[in-house]
């Protein structure tokens, strides 16, 4: 009987990872179907998409899998999530540009809508784009380093 040091996740750690992934999906569904707050509903909608992407980590929730490989795949999932957000914001903008009538500047609603900066001038969009770029750089460095 040899006592070699275990590399990778322990069985308990793998089970915790699996429960966390499944728990995220269940929590997102609870937020979507709660009848109290539209804010919680919106958060749940985003979490459902994230939980769907995080489900790609389930095959890695096995004993012996290196934690660094789980972290690399999690960063890829986060990068995909950021890119998905950016694509959806651009698609919504283009939908409004091509299919909706521009607001009437003579009404109060039109004045408010015309005074908002375009989507590409919003700080949130640049934060998400920056996070996606940083994640892509980290993933590239990690893959070149052989981790």
N, C-alpha and C. Protein backbone atom coordinates (compact mmCIF):
# COMPACT_ATOMS: atom_id res chain seq x y z
N UNK A 1 0.84 -1.18 0.00
CA UNK A 1 0.00 0.00 0.00
C UNK A 1 0.89 1.24 0.00
N UNK A 2 0.84 2.01 -1.07
CA UNK A 2 1.68 3.20 -1.15
C UNK A 2 0.85 4.43 -0.82
N UNK A 3 1.46 5.33 -0.12
CA UNK A 3 0.79 6.57 0.27
C UNK A 3 1.36 7.72 -0.54
N UNK A 4 0.87 7.85 -1.75
CA UNK A 4 1.31 8.94 -2.62
C UNK A 4 0.49 10.18 -2.31
N UNK A 5 1.10 11.36 -2.41
CA UNK A 5 0.31 12.57 -2.20
C UNK A 5 -0.73 12.71 -3.32
N UNK A 6 -1.94 13.07 -2.92
CA UNK A 6 -3.02 13.18 -3.89
C UNK A 6 -2.88 14.49 -4.66
N UNK A 7 -2.98 14.39 -5.96
CA UNK A 7 -2.98 15.59 -6.79
C UNK A 7 -4.40 15.85 -7.23
N UNK A 8 -4.77 17.11 -7.27
CA UNK A 8 -6.11 17.46 -7.70
C UNK A 8 -7.08 17.54 -6.55
N UNK A 9 -8.35 17.58 -6.90
CA UNK A 9 -9.42 17.72 -5.91
C UNK A 9 -9.65 16.43 -5.15
N UNK A 10 -10.01 16.60 -3.90
CA UNK A 10 -10.40 15.45 -3.09
C UNK A 10 -11.84 15.09 -3.45
N UNK A 11 -12.32 13.91 -3.05
CA UNK A 11 -13.73 13.58 -3.31
C UNK A 11 -14.69 14.57 -2.66
N UNK A 12 -14.35 15.04 -1.47
CA UNK A 12 -15.22 16.02 -0.80
C UNK A 12 -15.22 17.35 -1.55
N UNK A 13 -14.05 17.78 -2.05
CA UNK A 13 -13.98 19.02 -2.81
C UNK A 13 -14.74 18.94 -4.12
N UNK A 14 -14.65 17.78 -4.78
CA UNK A 14 -15.39 17.59 -6.04
C UNK A 14 -16.89 17.63 -5.79
N UNK A 15 -17.33 17.04 -4.68
CA UNK A 15 -18.76 17.05 -4.35
C UNK A 15 -19.22 18.46 -4.03
N UNK A 16 -18.38 19.22 -3.32
CA UNK A 16 -18.73 20.62 -3.02
C UNK A 16 -18.87 21.44 -4.31
N UNK A 17 -17.95 21.24 -5.23
CA UNK A 17 -18.02 21.96 -6.51
C UNK A 17 -19.31 21.60 -7.25
N UNK A 18 -19.64 20.32 -7.28
CA UNK A 18 -20.86 19.89 -7.96
C UNK A 18 -22.10 20.50 -7.30
N UNK A 19 -22.15 20.49 -5.98
CA UNK A 19 -23.30 21.08 -5.28
C UNK A 19 -23.38 22.59 -5.49
N UNK A 20 -22.23 23.25 -5.56
CA UNK A 20 -22.23 24.70 -5.78
C UNK A 20 -22.77 25.04 -7.18
N UNK A 21 -22.39 24.25 -8.17
CA UNK A 21 -22.86 24.49 -9.53
C UNK A 21 -24.37 24.28 -9.62
N UNK A 22 -24.84 23.18 -9.07
CA UNK A 22 -26.27 22.89 -9.10
C UNK A 22 -27.03 23.90 -8.24
N UNK A 23 -26.45 24.28 -7.11
CA UNK A 23 -27.09 25.27 -6.23
C UNK A 23 -27.24 26.62 -6.89
N UNK A 24 -26.26 27.02 -7.70
CA UNK A 24 -26.37 28.29 -8.43
C UNK A 24 -27.57 28.28 -9.37
N UNK A 25 -27.76 27.18 -10.08
CA UNK A 25 -28.90 27.07 -10.98
C UNK A 25 -30.22 27.10 -10.24
N UNK A 26 -30.30 26.41 -9.13
CA UNK A 26 -31.54 26.41 -8.33
C UNK A 26 -31.82 27.79 -7.75
N UNK A 27 -30.77 28.47 -7.27
CA UNK A 27 -30.94 29.82 -6.73
C UNK A 27 -31.44 30.77 -7.82
N UNK A 28 -30.90 30.65 -9.02
CA UNK A 28 -31.34 31.50 -10.14
C UNK A 28 -32.81 31.26 -10.46
N UNK A 29 -33.23 30.00 -10.44
CA UNK A 29 -34.64 29.70 -10.71
C UNK A 29 -35.55 30.25 -9.62
N UNK A 30 -35.09 30.19 -8.37
CA UNK A 30 -35.88 30.76 -7.27
C UNK A 30 -36.04 32.26 -7.47
N UNK A 31 -34.96 32.93 -7.88
CA UNK A 31 -35.06 34.38 -8.12
C UNK A 31 -35.99 34.70 -9.28
N UNK A 32 -36.01 33.87 -10.29
CA UNK A 32 -36.88 34.13 -11.43
C UNK A 32 -38.35 33.96 -11.06
N UNK A 33 -38.66 32.95 -10.28
CA UNK A 33 -40.06 32.65 -9.99
C UNK A 33 -40.59 33.26 -8.71
N UNK A 34 -39.80 34.09 -8.03
CA UNK A 34 -40.32 34.78 -6.85
C UNK A 34 -41.25 35.91 -7.31
N UNK A 35 -42.33 36.18 -6.58
CA UNK A 35 -43.31 37.16 -7.04
C UNK A 35 -43.15 38.56 -6.44
N UNK A 36 -41.99 38.88 -5.85
CA UNK A 36 -41.90 40.10 -5.06
C UNK A 36 -41.19 41.26 -5.73
N UNK A 37 -40.16 41.01 -6.48
CA UNK A 37 -39.32 42.11 -6.96
C UNK A 37 -38.87 41.87 -8.40
N UNK A 38 -39.01 42.92 -9.21
CA UNK A 38 -38.52 42.84 -10.58
C UNK A 38 -37.00 42.88 -10.63
N UNK A 39 -36.39 43.52 -9.64
CA UNK A 39 -34.93 43.54 -9.58
C UNK A 39 -34.38 42.14 -9.36
N UNK A 40 -34.98 41.40 -8.42
CA UNK A 40 -34.55 40.02 -8.19
C UNK A 40 -34.80 39.15 -9.41
N UNK A 41 -35.90 39.42 -10.12
CA UNK A 41 -36.20 38.69 -11.35
C UNK A 41 -35.10 38.94 -12.39
N UNK A 42 -34.67 40.20 -12.52
CA UNK A 42 -33.62 40.52 -13.49
C UNK A 42 -32.29 39.87 -13.11
N UNK A 43 -31.97 39.89 -11.82
CA UNK A 43 -30.75 39.22 -11.35
C UNK A 43 -30.84 37.73 -11.63
N UNK A 44 -32.00 37.14 -11.37
CA UNK A 44 -32.20 35.72 -11.65
C UNK A 44 -32.05 35.39 -13.12
N UNK A 45 -32.52 36.29 -13.99
CA UNK A 45 -32.36 36.07 -15.43
C UNK A 45 -30.90 36.01 -15.84
N UNK A 46 -30.10 36.92 -15.30
CA UNK A 46 -28.67 36.89 -15.59
C UNK A 46 -28.00 35.66 -14.99
N UNK A 47 -28.42 35.28 -13.78
CA UNK A 47 -27.83 34.11 -13.13
C UNK A 47 -28.18 32.81 -13.86
N UNK A 48 -29.37 32.76 -14.48
CA UNK A 48 -29.72 31.55 -15.23
C UNK A 48 -28.77 31.36 -16.41
N UNK A 49 -28.46 32.44 -17.09
CA UNK A 49 -27.51 32.34 -18.20
C UNK A 49 -26.13 31.93 -17.68
N UNK A 50 -25.71 32.56 -16.58
CA UNK A 50 -24.43 32.21 -15.99
C UNK A 50 -24.41 30.77 -15.51
N UNK A 51 -25.50 30.32 -14.87
CA UNK A 51 -25.56 28.93 -14.40
C UNK A 51 -25.52 27.95 -15.56
N UNK A 52 -26.15 28.31 -16.67
CA UNK A 52 -26.08 27.45 -17.85
C UNK A 52 -24.67 27.31 -18.36
N UNK A 53 -23.91 28.41 -18.32
CA UNK A 53 -22.51 28.34 -18.75
C UNK A 53 -21.65 27.60 -17.73
N UNK A 54 -21.93 27.81 -16.45
CA UNK A 54 -21.14 27.17 -15.39
C UNK A 54 -21.38 25.66 -15.37
N UNK A 55 -22.51 25.21 -15.90
CA UNK A 55 -22.76 23.77 -15.98
C UNK A 55 -21.69 23.06 -16.81
N UNK A 56 -20.94 23.80 -17.61
CA UNK A 56 -19.84 23.20 -18.35
C UNK A 56 -18.71 22.72 -17.43
N UNK A 57 -18.74 23.16 -16.18
CA UNK A 57 -17.74 22.72 -15.21
C UNK A 57 -18.09 21.39 -14.56
N UNK A 58 -19.33 20.94 -14.71
CA UNK A 58 -19.74 19.70 -14.05
C UNK A 58 -18.87 18.48 -14.41
N UNK A 59 -18.46 18.31 -15.67
CA UNK A 59 -17.59 17.16 -15.95
C UNK A 59 -16.24 17.23 -15.23
N UNK A 60 -15.85 18.41 -14.79
CA UNK A 60 -14.58 18.55 -14.09
C UNK A 60 -14.73 18.34 -12.58
N UNK A 61 -15.94 18.17 -12.10
CA UNK A 61 -16.18 17.97 -10.66
C UNK A 61 -15.96 16.50 -10.32
N UNK A 62 -14.73 16.04 -10.51
CA UNK A 62 -14.34 14.67 -10.21
C UNK A 62 -13.12 14.68 -9.32
N UNK A 63 -13.00 13.70 -8.45
CA UNK A 63 -11.77 13.63 -7.64
C UNK A 63 -10.55 13.44 -8.55
N UNK A 64 -9.48 14.12 -8.21
CA UNK A 64 -8.24 13.99 -8.97
C UNK A 64 -8.05 15.04 -10.04
N UNK A 65 -9.09 15.77 -10.40
CA UNK A 65 -8.95 16.82 -11.41
C UNK A 65 -8.24 18.01 -10.76
N UNK A 66 -7.25 18.54 -11.45
CA UNK A 66 -6.49 19.65 -10.89
C UNK A 66 -7.36 20.90 -10.78
N UNK A 67 -7.19 21.60 -9.69
CA UNK A 67 -7.96 22.82 -9.46
C UNK A 67 -7.60 23.88 -10.50
N UNK A 68 -6.36 23.90 -10.96
CA UNK A 68 -5.97 24.89 -11.96
C UNK A 68 -6.73 24.71 -13.27
N UNK A 69 -7.04 23.47 -13.63
CA UNK A 69 -7.81 23.26 -14.86
C UNK A 69 -9.26 23.72 -14.67
N UNK A 70 -9.80 23.53 -13.47
CA UNK A 70 -11.15 24.02 -13.19
C UNK A 70 -11.17 25.55 -13.25
N UNK A 71 -10.14 26.19 -12.70
CA UNK A 71 -10.06 27.64 -12.71
C UNK A 71 -9.93 28.16 -14.15
N UNK A 72 -9.15 27.50 -14.98
CA UNK A 72 -9.00 27.92 -16.37
C UNK A 72 -10.33 27.83 -17.12
N UNK A 73 -11.03 26.72 -16.94
CA UNK A 73 -12.33 26.57 -17.60
C UNK A 73 -13.33 27.59 -17.05
N UNK A 74 -13.27 27.87 -15.76
CA UNK A 74 -14.17 28.88 -15.18
C UNK A 74 -13.89 30.27 -15.76
N UNK A 75 -12.61 30.58 -16.01
CA UNK A 75 -12.29 31.86 -16.63
C UNK A 75 -12.79 31.92 -18.07
N UNK A 76 -12.72 30.82 -18.79
CA UNK A 76 -13.26 30.78 -20.15
C UNK A 76 -14.77 31.00 -20.11
N UNK A 77 -15.44 30.37 -19.17
CA UNK A 77 -16.90 30.55 -19.02
C UNK A 77 -17.22 32.00 -18.70
N UNK A 78 -16.46 32.63 -17.80
CA UNK A 78 -16.70 34.03 -17.46
C UNK A 78 -16.47 34.94 -18.66
N UNK A 79 -15.43 34.64 -19.45
CA UNK A 79 -15.16 35.43 -20.64
C UNK A 79 -16.31 35.30 -21.64
N UNK A 80 -16.81 34.09 -21.83
CA UNK A 80 -17.94 33.88 -22.74
C UNK A 80 -19.16 34.65 -22.25
N UNK A 81 -19.37 34.66 -20.93
CA UNK A 81 -20.50 35.40 -20.35
C UNK A 81 -20.37 36.89 -20.65
N UNK A 82 -19.17 37.46 -20.49
CA UNK A 82 -18.95 38.87 -20.78
C UNK A 82 -19.18 39.18 -22.26
N UNK A 83 -18.69 38.32 -23.13
CA UNK A 83 -18.87 38.53 -24.57
C UNK A 83 -20.36 38.43 -24.93
N UNK A 84 -21.07 37.51 -24.29
CA UNK A 84 -22.51 37.38 -24.52
C UNK A 84 -23.24 38.65 -24.12
N UNK A 85 -22.86 39.23 -23.00
CA UNK A 85 -23.48 40.49 -22.57
C UNK A 85 -23.24 41.58 -23.61
N UNK A 86 -22.01 41.70 -24.09
CA UNK A 86 -21.70 42.73 -25.08
C UNK A 86 -22.46 42.53 -26.38
N UNK A 87 -22.54 41.28 -26.83
CA UNK A 87 -23.27 40.99 -28.07
C UNK A 87 -24.76 41.32 -27.91
N UNK A 88 -25.32 40.99 -26.74
CA UNK A 88 -26.75 41.26 -26.54
C UNK A 88 -27.03 42.77 -26.46
N UNK A 89 -26.11 43.53 -25.85
CA UNK A 89 -26.29 44.98 -25.81
C UNK A 89 -26.22 45.56 -27.22
N UNK A 90 -25.26 45.10 -28.02
CA UNK A 90 -25.15 45.57 -29.41
C UNK A 90 -26.38 45.18 -30.23
N UNK A 91 -26.87 43.96 -30.02
CA UNK A 91 -28.05 43.52 -30.76
C UNK A 91 -29.27 44.36 -30.39
N UNK A 92 -29.42 44.68 -29.11
CA UNK A 92 -30.55 45.52 -28.70
C UNK A 92 -30.43 46.92 -29.30
N UNK A 93 -29.23 47.45 -29.34
CA UNK A 93 -29.02 48.76 -29.94
C UNK A 93 -29.35 48.74 -31.43
N UNK A 94 -28.86 47.72 -32.14
CA UNK A 94 -29.14 47.64 -33.58
C UNK A 94 -30.61 47.40 -33.86
N UNK A 95 -31.29 46.63 -33.00
CA UNK A 95 -32.73 46.43 -33.15
C UNK A 95 -33.45 47.77 -33.06
N UNK A 96 -33.09 48.55 -32.05
CA UNK A 96 -33.72 49.86 -31.90
C UNK A 96 -33.40 50.79 -33.05
N UNK A 97 -32.19 50.70 -33.56
CA UNK A 97 -31.76 51.56 -34.65
C UNK A 97 -32.52 51.25 -35.95
N UNK A 98 -32.72 49.98 -36.23
CA UNK A 98 -33.32 49.59 -37.50
C UNK A 98 -34.84 49.44 -37.47
N UNK A 99 -35.41 49.07 -36.33
CA UNK A 99 -36.82 48.70 -36.32
C UNK A 99 -37.72 49.63 -35.50
N UNK A 100 -37.17 50.51 -34.72
CA UNK A 100 -38.00 51.39 -33.92
C UNK A 100 -37.96 52.82 -34.45
N UNK A 101 -39.08 53.51 -34.26
CA UNK A 101 -39.16 54.90 -34.67
C UNK A 101 -38.38 55.75 -33.67
N UNK A 102 -37.56 56.69 -34.13
CA UNK A 102 -36.82 57.53 -33.19
C UNK A 102 -37.78 58.36 -32.33
N UNK A 103 -37.36 58.68 -31.10
CA UNK A 103 -38.26 59.43 -30.22
C UNK A 103 -38.49 60.85 -30.74
N UNK A 104 -39.67 61.35 -30.45
CA UNK A 104 -40.05 62.70 -30.86
C UNK A 104 -39.40 63.70 -29.90
N UNK A 105 -38.51 64.57 -30.38
CA UNK A 105 -37.82 65.49 -29.47
C UNK A 105 -38.73 66.56 -28.87
N UNK A 106 -39.98 66.66 -29.36
CA UNK A 106 -40.90 67.66 -28.82
C UNK A 106 -41.63 67.18 -27.58
N UNK A 107 -41.53 65.89 -27.26
CA UNK A 107 -42.19 65.37 -26.05
C UNK A 107 -41.16 65.23 -24.93
N UNK A 108 -41.67 65.13 -23.71
CA UNK A 108 -40.77 65.00 -22.55
C UNK A 108 -40.02 63.67 -22.61
N UNK A 109 -40.72 62.59 -22.98
CA UNK A 109 -40.06 61.28 -23.08
C UNK A 109 -38.97 61.31 -24.15
N UNK A 110 -39.22 61.99 -25.24
CA UNK A 110 -38.23 62.10 -26.30
C UNK A 110 -37.00 62.88 -25.86
N UNK A 111 -37.23 63.94 -25.08
CA UNK A 111 -36.09 64.73 -24.58
C UNK A 111 -35.24 63.90 -23.63
N UNK A 112 -35.87 63.09 -22.79
CA UNK A 112 -35.12 62.25 -21.85
C UNK A 112 -34.33 61.19 -22.61
N UNK A 113 -34.97 60.54 -23.59
CA UNK A 113 -34.29 59.50 -24.35
C UNK A 113 -33.14 60.06 -25.18
N UNK A 114 -33.29 61.24 -25.72
CA UNK A 114 -32.25 61.81 -26.54
C UNK A 114 -31.07 62.32 -25.71
N UNK A 115 -31.28 62.56 -24.42
CA UNK A 115 -30.20 63.06 -23.57
C UNK A 115 -29.36 61.94 -22.98
N UNK A 116 -29.73 60.68 -23.21
CA UNK A 116 -28.92 59.59 -22.69
C UNK A 116 -27.80 59.29 -23.68
N UNK A 117 -26.62 58.99 -23.16
CA UNK A 117 -25.52 58.67 -24.07
C UNK A 117 -25.75 57.33 -24.76
N UNK A 118 -25.15 57.12 -25.92
CA UNK A 118 -25.31 55.84 -26.62
C UNK A 118 -24.68 54.70 -25.82
N UNK A 119 -25.02 53.47 -26.19
CA UNK A 119 -24.59 52.31 -25.41
C UNK A 119 -23.07 52.22 -25.29
N UNK A 120 -22.36 52.62 -26.32
CA UNK A 120 -20.91 52.49 -26.29
C UNK A 120 -20.25 53.55 -25.40
N UNK A 121 -21.01 54.50 -24.91
CA UNK A 121 -20.48 55.50 -23.99
C UNK A 121 -20.83 55.18 -22.54
N UNK A 122 -21.51 54.08 -22.31
CA UNK A 122 -21.90 53.69 -20.96
C UNK A 122 -20.71 53.02 -20.26
N UNK A 123 -20.44 53.37 -19.01
CA UNK A 123 -19.31 52.76 -18.30
C UNK A 123 -19.46 51.24 -18.13
N UNK A 124 -20.68 50.75 -17.95
CA UNK A 124 -20.89 49.32 -17.76
C UNK A 124 -20.37 48.52 -18.94
N UNK A 125 -20.62 49.01 -20.14
CA UNK A 125 -20.19 48.31 -21.35
C UNK A 125 -18.66 48.22 -21.38
N UNK A 126 -18.00 49.29 -21.02
CA UNK A 126 -16.54 49.29 -21.05
C UNK A 126 -15.96 48.42 -19.94
N UNK A 127 -16.62 48.38 -18.79
CA UNK A 127 -16.17 47.48 -17.72
C UNK A 127 -16.26 46.03 -18.16
N UNK A 128 -17.38 45.66 -18.75
CA UNK A 128 -17.56 44.27 -19.20
C UNK A 128 -16.54 43.94 -20.29
N UNK A 129 -16.33 44.87 -21.22
CA UNK A 129 -15.35 44.64 -22.28
C UNK A 129 -13.95 44.51 -21.69
N UNK A 130 -13.62 45.32 -20.70
CA UNK A 130 -12.33 45.23 -20.05
C UNK A 130 -12.14 43.91 -19.32
N UNK A 131 -13.17 43.46 -18.62
CA UNK A 131 -13.09 42.18 -17.93
C UNK A 131 -12.88 41.05 -18.92
N UNK A 132 -13.61 41.08 -20.04
CA UNK A 132 -13.45 40.04 -21.06
C UNK A 132 -12.03 40.05 -21.62
N UNK A 133 -11.46 41.23 -21.86
CA UNK A 133 -10.10 41.32 -22.40
C UNK A 133 -9.07 40.81 -21.39
N UNK A 134 -9.25 41.17 -20.12
CA UNK A 134 -8.32 40.70 -19.08
C UNK A 134 -8.40 39.19 -18.93
N UNK A 135 -9.62 38.64 -18.94
CA UNK A 135 -9.76 37.19 -18.85
C UNK A 135 -9.11 36.49 -20.04
N UNK A 136 -9.27 37.06 -21.24
CA UNK A 136 -8.63 36.47 -22.41
C UNK A 136 -7.11 36.49 -22.28
N UNK A 137 -6.57 37.59 -21.76
CA UNK A 137 -5.12 37.68 -21.57
C UNK A 137 -4.63 36.68 -20.53
N UNK A 138 -5.35 36.55 -19.43
CA UNK A 138 -4.95 35.60 -18.38
C UNK A 138 -5.00 34.18 -18.90
N UNK A 139 -6.04 33.85 -19.64
CA UNK A 139 -6.18 32.49 -20.18
C UNK A 139 -5.03 32.20 -21.16
N UNK A 140 -4.69 33.20 -21.98
CA UNK A 140 -3.59 33.01 -22.94
C UNK A 140 -2.27 32.80 -22.21
N UNK A 141 -2.00 33.58 -21.19
CA UNK A 141 -0.76 33.44 -20.43
C UNK A 141 -0.70 32.09 -19.74
N UNK A 142 -1.82 31.68 -19.14
CA UNK A 142 -1.85 30.39 -18.44
C UNK A 142 -1.66 29.23 -19.41
N UNK A 143 -2.25 29.32 -20.59
CA UNK A 143 -2.10 28.22 -21.55
C UNK A 143 -0.67 28.14 -22.09
N UNK A 144 -0.02 29.28 -22.26
CA UNK A 144 1.35 29.28 -22.74
C UNK A 144 2.32 28.79 -21.66
N UNK A 145 1.95 29.02 -20.39
CA UNK A 145 2.79 28.58 -19.29
C UNK A 145 2.61 27.09 -19.01
N UNK A 146 1.59 26.49 -19.59
CA UNK A 146 1.36 25.04 -19.42
C UNK A 146 0.68 24.68 -18.13
N UNK A 147 -0.09 25.60 -17.56
CA UNK A 147 -0.77 25.29 -16.30
C UNK A 147 -2.08 24.63 -16.53
